[in-house]
Amino acid sequence: MTAEKKMSAKADQLKGAVKETLGRAVGNERMTAEGRAERAMGDMREAGHKAQDALKR
């Protein structure tokens, strides 16, 4: 996985976690759900890139 793609996936995970936490703090269920979805997308992208790296070896 290139460093740029890894940073992008980590940024999505972080942004989603912050949005989810903020949504919980203010009681906004929609923001919480959006944050959870963004974090999940970052997790899936990272897992996909890790699998590609494993297959290249």
C-alpha atoms as a PDB file:
ATOM      1  CA  MET A   1       0.000   0.000   0.000  1.00  0.00           C
ATOM      2  CA  THR A   2       1.393   3.350  -0.907  1.00  0.00           C
ATOM      3  CA  ALA A   3       1.877   5.842   1.869  1.00  0.00           C
ATOM      4  CA  GLU A   4      -0.567   8.259   0.247  1.00  0.00           C
ATOM      5  CA  LYS A   5      -3.381   5.696   0.146  1.00  0.00           C
ATOM      6  CA  LYS A   6      -2.640   4.609   3.689  1.00  0.00           C
ATOM      7  CA  MET A   7      -2.811   8.197   4.919  1.00  0.00           C
ATOM      8  CA  SER A   8      -6.073   8.736   3.058  1.00  0.00           C
ATOM      9  CA  ALA A   9      -7.665   5.675   4.670  1.00  0.00           C
ATOM     10  CA  LYS A  10      -6.399   6.724   8.110  1.00  0.00           C
ATOM     11  CA  ALA A  11      -7.732  10.257   7.549  1.00  0.00           C
ATOM     12  CA  ASP A  12     -11.187   8.840   6.757  1.00  0.00           C
ATOM     13  CA  GLN A  13     -11.049   6.722   9.906  1.00  0.00           C
ATOM     14  CA  LEU A  14     -10.063   9.693  12.044  1.00  0.00           C
ATOM     15  CA  LYS A  15     -12.606  12.046  10.481  1.00  0.00           C
ATOM     16  CA  GLY A  16     -15.352   9.475  10.986  1.00  0.00           C
ATOM     17  CA  ALA A  17     -14.379   8.859  14.601  1.00  0.00           C
ATOM     18  CA  VAL A  18     -14.394  12.585  15.362  1.00  0.00           C
ATOM     19  CA  LYS A  19     -17.754  13.076  13.665  1.00  0.00           C
ATOM     20  CA  GLU A  20     -19.226  10.082  15.486  1.00  0.00           C
ATOM     21  CA  THR A  21     -17.992  11.314  18.872  1.00  0.00           C
ATOM     22  CA  LEU A  22     -19.199  14.850  18.224  1.00  0.00           C
ATOM     23  CA  GLY A  23     -22.596  13.552  17.140  1.00  0.00           C
ATOM     24  CA  ARG A  24     -22.914  11.577  20.355  1.00  0.00           C
ATOM     25  CA  ALA A  25     -21.858  14.577  22.430  1.00  0.00           C
ATOM     26  CA  VAL A  26     -24.509  16.869  20.950  1.00  0.00           C
ATOM     27  CA  GLY A  27     -27.151  14.159  20.626  1.00  0.00           C
ATOM     28  CA  ASN A  28     -27.291  14.238  16.821  1.00  0.00           C
ATOM     29  CA  GLU A  29     -28.036  10.699  15.632  1.00  0.00           C
ATOM     30  CA  ARG A  30     -27.548  11.567  11.961  1.00  0.00           C
ATOM     31  CA  MET A  31     -24.039  12.905  12.548  1.00  0.00           C
ATOM     32  CA  THR A  32     -23.227   9.846  14.641  1.00  0.00           C
ATOM     33  CA  ALA A  33     -24.374   7.541  11.840  1.00  0.00           C
ATOM     34  CA  GLU A  34     -22.429   9.490   9.201  1.00  0.00           C
ATOM     35  CA  GLY A  35     -19.294   9.291  11.323  1.00  0.00           C
ATOM     36  CA  ARG A  36     -19.717   5.569  11.825  1.00  0.00           C
ATOM     37  CA  ALA A  37     -20.141   5.100   8.063  1.00  0.00           C
ATOM     38  CA  GLU A  38     -17.044   7.179   7.242  1.00  0.00           C
ATOM     39  CA  ARG A  39     -14.966   5.252   9.743  1.00  0.00           C
ATOM     40  CA  ALA A  40     -16.196   1.950   8.306  1.00  0.00           C
ATOM     41  CA  MET A  41     -15.295   3.071   4.775  1.00  0.00           C
ATOM     42  CA  GLY A  42     -11.781   3.928   5.928  1.00  0.00           C
ATOM     43  CA  ASP A  43     -11.488   0.536   7.621  1.00  0.00           C
ATOM     44  CA  MET A  44     -12.646  -1.266   4.486  1.00  0.00           C
ATOM     45  CA  ARG A  45     -10.251   0.680   2.244  1.00  0.00           C
ATOM     46  CA  GLU A  46      -7.346  -0.085   4.542  1.00  0.00           C
ATOM     47  CA  ALA A  47      -8.254  -3.781   4.680  1.00  0.00           C
ATOM     48  CA  GLY A  48      -8.514  -3.924   0.889  1.00  0.00           C
ATOM     49  CA  HIS A  49      -5.097  -2.369   0.435  1.00  0.00           C
ATOM     50  CA  LYS A  50      -3.586  -4.717   3.009  1.00  0.00           C
ATOM     51  CA  ALA A  51      -5.034  -7.688   1.152  1.00  0.00           C
ATOM     52  CA  GLN A  52      -3.559  -6.440  -2.117  1.00  0.00           C
ATOM     53  CA  ASP A  53      -0.168  -6.066  -0.443  1.00  0.00           C
ATOM     54  CA  ALA A  54      -0.392  -9.585   0.946  1.00  0.00           C
ATOM     55  CA  LEU A  55      -1.152 -11.025  -2.494  1.00  0.00           C
ATOM     56  CA  LYS A  56       1.835  -9.253  -4.046  1.00  0.00           C
ATOM     57  CA  ARG A  57       4.250 -11.074  -1.742  1.00  0.00           C
END
